PDB file of N, CA and C in Angstrom:
ATOM      1  N   MET A   1      92.639 103.033 103.186  1.00  0.00           N
ATOM      2  CA  MET A   1      93.112 102.350 101.986  1.00  0.00           C
ATOM      3  C   MET A   1      94.338 101.510 102.330  1.00  0.00           C
ATOM      4  N   ARG A   2      94.373 100.354 101.774  1.00  0.00           N
ATOM      5  CA  ARG A   2      95.488  99.436 101.987  1.00  0.00           C
ATOM      6  C   ARG A   2      96.398  99.503 100.761  1.00  0.00           C
ATOM      7  N   ILE A   3      97.695  99.409 100.984  1.00  0.00           N
ATOM      8  CA  ILE A   3      98.661  99.415  99.881  1.00  0.00           C
ATOM      9  C   ILE A   3      99.250  98.016  99.743  1.00  0.00           C
ATOM     10  N   THR A   4      99.226  97.501  98.495  1.00  0.00           N
ATOM     11  CA  THR A   4      99.842  96.214  98.190  1.00  0.00           C
ATOM     12  C   THR A   4     100.851  96.425  97.059  1.00  0.00           C
ATOM     13  N   TYR A   5     101.759  95.481  96.923  1.00  0.00           N
ATOM     14  CA  TYR A   5     102.810  95.567  95.908  1.00  0.00           C
ATOM     15  C   TYR A   5     102.760  94.340  95.013  1.00  0.00           C
ATOM     16  N   SER A   6     102.811  94.555  93.710  1.00  0.00           N
ATOM     17  CA  SER A   6     102.895  93.430  92.777  1.00  0.00           C
ATOM     18  C   SER A   6     104.290  92.809  92.917  1.00  0.00           C
ATOM     19  N   PRO A   7     104.446  91.552  92.502  1.00  0.00           N
ATOM     20  CA  PRO A   7     105.786  90.939  92.521  1.00  0.00           C
ATOM     21  C   PRO A   7     106.789  91.759  91.698  1.00  0.00           C
ATOM     22  N   GLU A   8     106.343  92.344  90.598  1.00  0.00           N
ATOM     23  CA  GLU A   8     107.230  93.170  89.760  1.00  0.00           C
ATOM     24  C   GLU A   8     107.695  94.419  90.510  1.00  0.00           C
ATOM     25  N   ALA A   9     106.792  95.036  91.264  1.00  0.00           N
ATOM     26  CA  ALA A   9     107.165  96.230  92.031  1.00  0.00           C
ATOM     27  C   ALA A   9     108.174  95.888  93.124  1.00  0.00           C
ATOM     28  N   ILE A  10     107.983  94.761  93.777  1.00  0.00           N
ATOM     29  CA  ILE A  10     108.939  94.321  94.809  1.00  0.00           C
ATOM     30  C   ILE A  10     110.305  94.086  94.173  1.00  0.00           C
ATOM     31  N   HIS A  11     110.308  93.434  93.022  1.00  0.00           N
ATOM     32  CA  HIS A  11     111.564  93.206  92.297  1.00  0.00           C
ATOM     33  C   HIS A  11     112.206  94.545  91.919  1.00  0.00           C
ATOM     34  N   ASP A  12     111.408  95.482  91.419  1.00  0.00           N
ATOM     35  CA  ASP A  12     111.931  96.804  91.039  1.00  0.00           C
ATOM     36  C   ASP A  12     112.597  97.500  92.227  1.00  0.00           C
ATOM     37  N   LEU A  13     111.941  97.476  93.380  1.00  0.00           N
ATOM     38  CA  LEU A  13     112.490  98.139  94.569  1.00  0.00           C
ATOM     39  C   LEU A  13     113.798  97.491  95.015  1.00  0.00           C
ATOM     40  N   LYS A  14     113.846  96.182  95.001  1.00  0.00           N
ATOM     41  CA  LYS A  14     115.086  95.480  95.370  1.00  0.00           C
ATOM     42  C   LYS A  14     116.204  95.814  94.391  1.00  0.00           C
ATOM     43  N   LYS A  15     115.885  95.804  93.100  1.00  0.00           N
ATOM     44  CA  LYS A  15     116.876  96.093  92.059  1.00  0.00           C
ATOM     45  C   LYS A  15     117.413  97.519  92.196  1.00  0.00           C
ATOM     46  N   LEU A  16     116.536  98.485  92.435  1.00  0.00           N
ATOM     47  CA  LEU A  16     116.967  99.879  92.606  1.00  0.00           C
ATOM     48  C   LEU A  16     117.898 100.012  93.809  1.00  0.00           C
ATOM     49  N   ARG A  17     117.493  99.402  94.911  1.00  0.00           N
ATOM     50  CA  ARG A  17     118.314  99.505  96.121  1.00  0.00           C
ATOM     51  C   ARG A  17     119.685  98.850  95.919  1.00  0.00           C
ATOM     52  N   GLU A  18     119.722  97.674  95.317  1.00  0.00           N
ATOM     53  CA  GLU A  18     121.002  96.993  95.071  1.00  0.00           C
ATOM     54  C   GLU A  18     121.899  97.810  94.145  1.00  0.00           C
ATOM     55  N   PHE A  19     121.309  98.415  93.131  1.00  0.00           N
ATOM     56  CA  PHE A  19     122.064  99.225  92.185  1.00  0.00           C
ATOM     57  C   PHE A  19     122.717 100.424  92.882  1.00  0.00           C
ATOM     58  N   ILE A  20     121.965 101.100  93.732  1.00  0.00           N
ATOM     59  CA  ILE A  20     122.475 102.286  94.423  1.00  0.00           C
ATOM     60  C   ILE A  20     123.452 101.892  95.519  1.00  0.00           C
ATOM     61  N   GLU A  21     123.171 100.785  96.191  1.00  0.00           N
ATOM     62  CA  GLU A  21     123.993 100.347  97.321  1.00  0.00           C
ATOM     63  C   GLU A  21     125.444 100.090  96.931  1.00  0.00           C
ATOM     64  N   VAL A  22     125.677  99.664  95.707  1.00  0.00           N
ATOM     65  CA  VAL A  22     127.037  99.399  95.226  1.00  0.00           C
ATOM     66  C   VAL A  22     127.891 100.659  95.334  1.00  0.00           C
ATOM     67  N   LYS A  23     127.296 101.793  95.024  1.00  0.00           N
ATOM     68  CA  LYS A  23     128.040 103.058  95.047  1.00  0.00           C
ATOM     69  C   LYS A  23     127.951 103.796  96.375  1.00  0.00           C
ATOM     70  N   ASN A  24     126.783 103.686  97.039  1.00  0.00           N
ATOM     71  CA  ASN A  24     126.587 104.472  98.256  1.00  0.00           C
ATOM     72  C   ASN A  24     125.472 103.839  99.094  1.00  0.00           C
ATOM     73  N   SER A  25     125.851 103.088 100.117  1.00  0.00           N
ATOM     74  CA  SER A  25     124.856 102.362 100.904  1.00  0.00           C
ATOM     75  C   SER A  25     123.933 103.295 101.688  1.00  0.00           C
ATOM     76  N   SER A  26     124.438 104.419 102.173  1.00  0.00           N
ATOM     77  CA  SER A  26     123.555 105.334 102.912  1.00  0.00           C
ATOM     78  C   SER A  26     122.551 105.996 101.971  1.00  0.00           C
ATOM     79  N   ALA A  27     122.972 106.277 100.743  1.00  0.00           N
ATOM     80  CA  ALA A  27     122.041 106.839  99.754  1.00  0.00           C
ATOM     81  C   ALA A  27     120.972 105.811  99.407  1.00  0.00           C
ATOM     82  N   ALA A  28     121.346 104.541  99.319  1.00  0.00           N
ATOM     83  CA  ALA A  28     120.374 103.490  99.008  1.00  0.00           C
ATOM     84  C   ALA A  28     119.283 103.448 100.071  1.00  0.00           C
ATOM     85  N   GLN A  29     119.666 103.535 101.330  1.00  0.00           N
ATOM     86  CA  GLN A  29     118.688 103.525 102.427  1.00  0.00           C
ATOM     87  C   GLN A  29     117.822 104.778 102.378  1.00  0.00           C
ATOM     88  N   ARG A  30     118.433 105.917 102.154  1.00  0.00           N
ATOM     89  CA  ARG A  30     117.702 107.190 102.109  1.00  0.00           C
ATOM     90  C   ARG A  30     116.676 107.198 100.966  1.00  0.00           C
ATOM     91  N   ILE A  31     117.075 106.729  99.799  1.00  0.00           N
ATOM     92  CA  ILE A  31     116.182 106.716  98.640  1.00  0.00           C
ATOM     93  C   ILE A  31     115.056 105.711  98.841  1.00  0.00           C
ATOM     94  N   ALA A  32     115.379 104.536  99.351  1.00  0.00           N
ATOM     95  CA  ALA A  32     114.345 103.528  99.617  1.00  0.00           C
ATOM     96  C   ALA A  32     113.302 104.067 100.599  1.00  0.00           C
ATOM     97  N   THR A  33     113.768 104.744 101.639  1.00  0.00           N
ATOM     98  CA  THR A  33     112.855 105.337 102.628  1.00  0.00           C
ATOM     99  C   THR A  33     111.985 106.409 101.984  1.00  0.00           C
ATOM    100  N   ALA A  34     112.577 107.254 101.141  1.00  0.00           N
ATOM    101  CA  ALA A  34     111.811 108.317 100.472  1.00  0.00           C
ATOM    102  C   ALA A  34     110.741 107.736  99.549  1.00  0.00           C
ATOM    103  N   ILE A  35     111.084 106.683  98.817  1.00  0.00           N
ATOM    104  CA  ILE A  35     110.113 106.055  97.912  1.00  0.00           C
ATOM    105  C   ILE A  35     108.950 105.475  98.716  1.00  0.00           C
ATOM    106  N   LEU A  36     109.252 104.743  99.769  1.00  0.00           N
ATOM    107  CA  LEU A  36     108.193 104.132 100.579  1.00  0.00           C
ATOM    108  C   LEU A  36     107.340 105.191 101.285  1.00  0.00           C
ATOM    109  N   LYS A  37     107.971 106.276 101.721  1.00  0.00           N
ATOM    110  CA  LYS A  37     107.222 107.368 102.354  1.00  0.00           C
ATOM    111  C   LYS A  37     106.292 108.022 101.334  1.00  0.00           C
ATOM    112  N   GLY A  38     106.782 108.247 100.122  1.00  0.00           N
ATOM    113  CA  GLY A  38     105.943 108.826  99.072  1.00  0.00           C
ATOM    114  C   GLY A  38     104.757 107.937  98.764  1.00  0.00           C
ATOM    115  N   ILE A  39     105.014 106.647  98.632  1.00  0.00           N
ATOM    116  CA  ILE A  39     103.939 105.696  98.343  1.00  0.00           C
ATOM    117  C   ILE A  39     102.916 105.674  99.472  1.00  0.00           C
ATOM    118  N   SER A  40     103.361 105.798 100.714  1.00  0.00           N
ATOM    119  CA  SER A  40     102.427 105.751 101.847  1.00  0.00           C
ATOM    120  C   SER A  40     101.431 106.915 101.823  1.00  0.00           C
ATOM    121  N   GLN A  41     101.770 108.013 101.156  1.00  0.00           N
ATOM    122  CA  GLN A  41     100.838 109.142 101.035  1.00  0.00           C
ATOM    123  C   GLN A  41      99.570 108.751 100.280  1.00  0.00           C
ATOM    124  N   LEU A  42      99.675 107.718  99.463  1.00  0.00           N
ATOM    125  CA  LEU A  42      98.530 107.289  98.672  1.00  0.00           C
ATOM    126  C   LEU A  42      97.389 106.750  99.533  1.00  0.00           C
ATOM    127  N   LYS A  43      97.691 106.329 100.757  1.00  0.00           N
ATOM    128  CA  LYS A  43      96.634 105.876 101.662  1.00  0.00           C
ATOM    129  C   LYS A  43      95.614 106.986 101.880  1.00  0.00           C
ATOM    130  N   THR A  44      96.105 108.198 102.016  1.00  0.00           N
ATOM    131  CA  THR A  44      95.239 109.349 102.262  1.00  0.00           C
ATOM    132  C   THR A  44      94.824 110.051 100.973  1.00  0.00           C
ATOM    133  N   PHE A  45      95.738 110.098 100.005  1.00  0.00           N
ATOM    134  CA  PHE A  45      95.498 110.818  98.758  1.00  0.00           C
ATOM    135  C   PHE A  45      95.694 109.883  97.557  1.00  0.00           C
ATOM    136  N   PRO A  46      94.765 108.968  97.317  1.00  0.00           N
ATOM    137  CA  PRO A  46      94.963 107.970  96.259  1.00  0.00           C
ATOM    138  C   PRO A  46      95.052 108.555  94.844  1.00  0.00           C
ATOM    139  N   TYR A  47      94.519 109.734  94.619  1.00  0.00           N
ATOM    140  CA  TYR A  47      94.547 110.331  93.280  1.00  0.00           C
ATOM    141  C   TYR A  47      95.691 111.337  93.123  1.00  0.00           C
ATOM    142  N   LEU A  48      96.680 111.255  93.996  1.00  0.00           N
ATOM    143  CA  LEU A  48      97.821 112.168  93.993  1.00  0.00           C
ATOM    144  C   LEU A  48      98.643 112.078  92.711  1.00  0.00           C
ATOM    145  N   GLY A  49      98.778 110.905  92.158  1.00  0.00           N
ATOM    146  CA  GLY A  49      99.602 110.700  90.964  1.00  0.00           C
ATOM    147  C   GLY A  49      98.948 111.209  89.691  1.00  0.00           C
ATOM    148  N   LEU A  50      99.750 111.255  88.643  1.00  0.00           N
ATOM    149  CA  LEU A  50      99.275 111.683  87.325  1.00  0.00           C
ATOM    150  C   LEU A  50      98.608 110.526  86.600  1.00  0.00           C
ATOM    151  N   ARG A  51      97.546 110.814  85.881  1.00  0.00           N
ATOM    152  CA  ARG A  51      96.863 109.782  85.094  1.00  0.00           C
ATOM    153  C   ARG A  51      97.796 109.225  84.027  1.00  0.00           C
ATOM    154  N   VAL A  52      97.710 107.930  83.799  1.00  0.00           N
ATOM    155  CA  VAL A  52      98.455 107.277  82.720  1.00  0.00           C
ATOM    156  C   VAL A  52      97.493 107.213  81.535  1.00  0.00           C
ATOM    157  N   GLN A  53      97.653 108.144  80.617  1.00  0.00           N
ATOM    158  CA  GLN A  53      96.688 108.306  79.528  1.00  0.00           C
ATOM    159  C   GLN A  53      96.551 107.073  78.640  1.00  0.00           C
ATOM    160  N   GLN A  54      97.628 106.300  78.469  1.00  0.00           N
ATOM    161  CA  GLN A  54      97.551 105.127  77.593  1.00  0.00           C
ATOM    162  C   GLN A  54      96.935 103.915  78.299  1.00  0.00           C
ATOM    163  N   ALA A  55      96.620 104.022  79.570  1.00  0.00           N
ATOM    164  CA  ALA A  55      96.011 102.910  80.315  1.00  0.00           C
ATOM    165  C   ALA A  55      94.549 102.739  79.903  1.00  0.00           C
ATOM    166  N   PRO A  56      94.013 101.525  80.039  1.00  0.00           N
ATOM    167  CA  PRO A  56      92.599 101.303  79.715  1.00  0.00           C
ATOM    168  C   PRO A  56      91.667 102.210  80.532  1.00  0.00           C
ATOM    169  N   ASP A  57      92.046 102.484  81.789  1.00  0.00           N
ATOM    170  CA  ASP A  57      91.260 103.382  82.640  1.00  0.00           C
ATOM    171  C   ASP A  57      92.214 104.394  83.285  1.00  0.00           C
ATOM    172  N   PRO A  58      92.494 105.512  82.578  1.00  0.00           N
ATOM    173  CA  PRO A  58      93.478 106.482  83.059  1.00  0.00           C
ATOM    174  C   PRO A  58      93.165 107.075  84.429  1.00  0.00           C
ATOM    175  N   GLU A  59      91.914 107.082  84.816  1.00  0.00           N
ATOM    176  CA  GLU A  59      91.556 107.614  86.127  1.00  0.00           C
ATOM    177  C   GLU A  59      92.072 106.717  87.252  1.00  0.00           C
ATOM    178  N   MET A  60      92.189 105.418  86.971  1.00  0.00           N
ATOM    179  CA  MET A  60      92.544 104.458  88.012  1.00  0.00           C
ATOM    180  C   MET A  60      94.001 104.001  87.966  1.00  0.00           C
ATOM    181  N   VAL A  61      94.677 104.190  86.854  1.00  0.00           N
ATOM    182  CA  VAL A  61      96.107 103.849  86.751  1.00  0.00           C
ATOM    183  C   VAL A  61      96.871 105.154  86.727  1.00  0.00           C
ATOM    184  N   ARG A  62      97.796 105.306  87.669  1.00  0.00           N
ATOM    185  CA  ARG A  62      98.466 106.589  87.842  1.00  0.00           C
ATOM    186  C   ARG A  62      99.956 106.406  88.101  1.00  0.00           C
ATOM    187  N   ASP A  63     100.694 107.473  87.861  1.00  0.00           N
ATOM    188  CA  ASP A  63     102.132 107.517  88.143  1.00  0.00           C
ATOM    189  C   ASP A  63     102.381 108.540  89.234  1.00  0.00           C
ATOM    190  N   LEU A  64     102.987 108.086  90.310  1.00  0.00           N
ATOM    191  CA  LEU A  64     103.378 108.977  91.402  1.00  0.00           C
ATOM    192  C   LEU A  64     104.859 109.290  91.240  1.00  0.00           C
ATOM    193  N   ILE A  65     105.177 110.557  91.140  1.00  0.00           N
ATOM    194  CA  ILE A  65     106.570 110.986  90.996  1.00  0.00           C
ATOM    195  C   ILE A  65     107.117 111.266  92.390  1.00  0.00           C
ATOM    196  N   ILE A  66     108.232 110.586  92.688  1.00  0.00           N
ATOM    197  CA  ILE A  66     108.894 110.722  93.991  1.00  0.00           C
ATOM    198  C   ILE A  66     110.351 111.033  93.697  1.00  0.00           C
ATOM    199  N   GLY A  67     110.702 112.306  93.659  1.00  0.00           N
ATOM    200  CA  GLY A  67     112.058 112.693  93.283  1.00  0.00           C
ATOM    201  C   GLY A  67     112.350 112.245  91.865  1.00  0.00           C
ATOM    202  N   ASN A  68     113.372 111.411  91.688  1.00  0.00           N
ATOM    203  CA  ASN A  68     113.742 110.891  90.370  1.00  0.00           C
ATOM    204  C   ASN A  68     113.084 109.543  90.064  1.00  0.00           C
ATOM    205  N   TYR A  69     112.126 109.141  90.869  1.00  0.00           N
ATOM    206  CA  TYR A  69     111.512 107.827  90.742  1.00  0.00           C
ATOM    207  C   TYR A  69     110.019 107.957  90.451  1.00  0.00           C
ATOM    208  N   ILE A  70     109.498 106.925  89.793  1.00  0.00           N
ATOM    209  CA  ILE A  70     108.086 106.896  89.432  1.00  0.00           C
ATOM    210  C   ILE A  70     107.507 105.579  89.922  1.00  0.00           C
ATOM    211  N   ALA A  71     106.414 105.665  90.648  1.00  0.00           N
ATOM    212  CA  ALA A  71     105.685 104.477  91.093  1.00  0.00           C
ATOM    213  C   ALA A  71     104.354 104.443  90.336  1.00  0.00           C
ATOM    214  N   ARG A  72     104.169 103.430  89.523  1.00  0.00           N
ATOM    215  CA  ARG A  72     102.893 103.260  88.800  1.00  0.00           C
ATOM    216  C   ARG A  72     101.980 102.418  89.679  1.00  0.00           C
ATOM    217  N   TYR A  73     100.730 102.854  89.819  1.00  0.00           N
ATOM    218  CA  TYR A  73      99.806 102.144  90.693  1.00  0.00           C
ATOM    219  C   TYR A  73      98.394 102.110  90.135  1.00  0.00           C
ATOM    220  N   LEU A  74      97.632 101.180  90.669  1.00  0.00           N
ATOM    221  CA  LEU A  74      96.245 100.969  90.286  1.00  0.00           C
ATOM    222  C   LEU A  74      95.377 101.215  91.513  1.00  0.00           C
ATOM    223  N   ILE A  75      94.350 102.039  91.337  1.00  0.00           N
ATOM    224  CA  ILE A  75      93.415 102.311  92.425  1.00  0.00           C
ATOM    225  C   ILE A  75      92.254 101.332  92.316  1.00  0.00           C
ATOM    226  N   ARG A  76      92.015 100.628  93.399  1.00  0.00           N
ATOM    227  CA  ARG A  76      90.862  99.728  93.491  1.00  0.00           C
ATOM    228  C   ARG A  76      89.956 100.256  94.597  1.00  0.00           C
ATOM    229  N   SER A  77      88.841  99.616  94.854  1.00  0.00           N
ATOM    230  CA  SER A  77      87.867 100.143  95.817  1.00  0.00           C
ATOM    231  C   SER A  77      88.469 100.428  97.200  1.00  0.00           C
ATOM    232  N   ASN A  78      89.181  99.490  97.772  1.00  0.00           N
ATOM    233  CA  ASN A  78      89.773  99.688  99.106  1.00  0.00           C
ATOM    234  C   ASN A  78      91.267  99.443  99.116  1.00  0.00           C
ATOM    235  N   GLU A  79      91.893  99.518  97.937  1.00  0.00           N
ATOM    236  CA  GLU A  79      93.293  99.118  97.846  1.00  0.00           C
ATOM    237  C   GLU A  79      94.018  99.909  96.758  1.00  0.00           C
ATOM    238  N   ILE A  80      95.257 100.211  97.051  1.00  0.00           N
ATOM    239  CA  ILE A  80      96.184 100.763  96.066  1.00  0.00           C
ATOM    240  C   ILE A  80      97.174  99.640  95.764  1.00  0.00           C
ATOM    241  N   ASN A  81      97.291  99.275  94.499  1.00  0.00           N
ATOM    242  CA  ASN A  81      98.238  98.228  94.122  1.00  0.00           C
ATOM    243  C   ASN A  81      99.397  98.871  93.365  1.00  0.00           C
ATOM    244  N   ILE A  82     100.583  98.823  93.955  1.00  0.00           N
ATOM    245  CA  ILE A  82     101.774  99.363  93.312  1.00  0.00           C
ATOM    246  C   ILE A  82     102.197  98.347  92.249  1.00  0.00           C
ATOM    247  N   LEU A  83     102.190  98.793  90.996  1.00  0.00           N
ATOM    248  CA  LEU A  83     102.459  97.896  89.874  1.00  0.00           C
ATOM    249  C   LEU A  83     103.934  97.812  89.527  1.00  0.00           C
ATOM    250  N   ARG A  84     104.598  98.965  89.437  1.00  0.00           N
ATOM    251  CA  ARG A  84     106.018  99.035  89.053  1.00  0.00           C
ATOM    252  C   ARG A  84     106.640 100.266  89.700  1.00  0.00           C
ATOM    253  N   VAL A  85     107.977 100.266  89.793  1.00  0.00           N
ATOM    254  CA  VAL A  85     108.733 101.418  90.290  1.00  0.00           C
ATOM    255  C   VAL A  85     109.964 101.569  89.404  1.00  0.00           C
ATOM    256  N   TRP A  86     110.193 102.795  88.884  1.00  0.00           N
ATOM    257  CA  TRP A  86     111.307 103.063  87.981  1.00  0.00           C
ATOM    258  C   TRP A  86     112.046 104.328  88.364  1.00  0.00           C
ATOM    259  N   HIS A  87     113.316 104.387  87.971  1.00  0.00           N
ATOM    260  CA  HIS A  87     114.027 105.659  87.931  1.00  0.00           C
ATOM    261  C   HIS A  87     113.533 106.350  86.675  1.00  0.00           C
ATOM    262  N   HIS A  88     113.395 107.646  86.702  1.00  0.00           N
ATOM    263  CA  HIS A  88     112.794 108.345  85.555  1.00  0.00           C
ATOM    264  C   HIS A  88     113.578 108.172  84.256  1.00  0.00           C
ATOM    265  N   LYS A  89     114.859 107.798  84.328  1.00  0.00           N
ATOM    266  CA  LYS A  89     115.646 107.585  83.115  1.00  0.00           C
ATOM    267  C   LYS A  89     115.520 106.168  82.558  1.00  0.00           C
ATOM    268  N   GLU A  90     114.934 105.264  83.328  1.00  0.00           N
ATOM    269  CA  GLU A  90     114.770 103.891  82.862  1.00  0.00           C
ATOM    270  C   GLU A  90     113.667 103.803  81.823  1.00  0.00           C
ATOM    271  N   GLU A  91     113.794 102.830  80.943  1.00  0.00           N
ATOM    272  CA  GLU A  91     112.730 102.568  79.975  1.00  0.00           C
ATOM    273  C   GLU A  91     111.565 101.917  80.726  1.00  0.00           C
ATOM    274  N   ARG A  92     110.387 102.455  80.514  1.00  0.00           N
ATOM    275  CA  ARG A  92     109.201 101.915  81.188  1.00  0.00           C
ATOM    276  C   ARG A  92     108.567 100.827  80.344  1.00  0.00           C
ATOM    277  N   ILE A  93     108.073  99.836  81.042  1.00  0.00           N
ATOM    278  CA  ILE A  93     107.422  98.706  80.369  1.00  0.00           C
ATOM    279  C   ILE A  93     105.920  98.907  80.407  1.00  0.00           C
TER     280      ILE A  93
END
């Protein structure tokens, strides 16, 4: 399985890292690495995340919880598309 990132997910990851980096640059690197490592597990276990019940197809749209962060993704035939990434306290769109 191949993992791709939507433009919104890339923006989310950059925004999270910049926000954390202001207070603690080593924590920003550590958290970014943990998020990317968690997402990489989806290559082997694409159904690891929780179903998003309000999605049109809850089986294929899922939320992966990585510590205090959530990565929403879409499962396609040969691809995982990361849609968004949030801190669990952020308002989700």
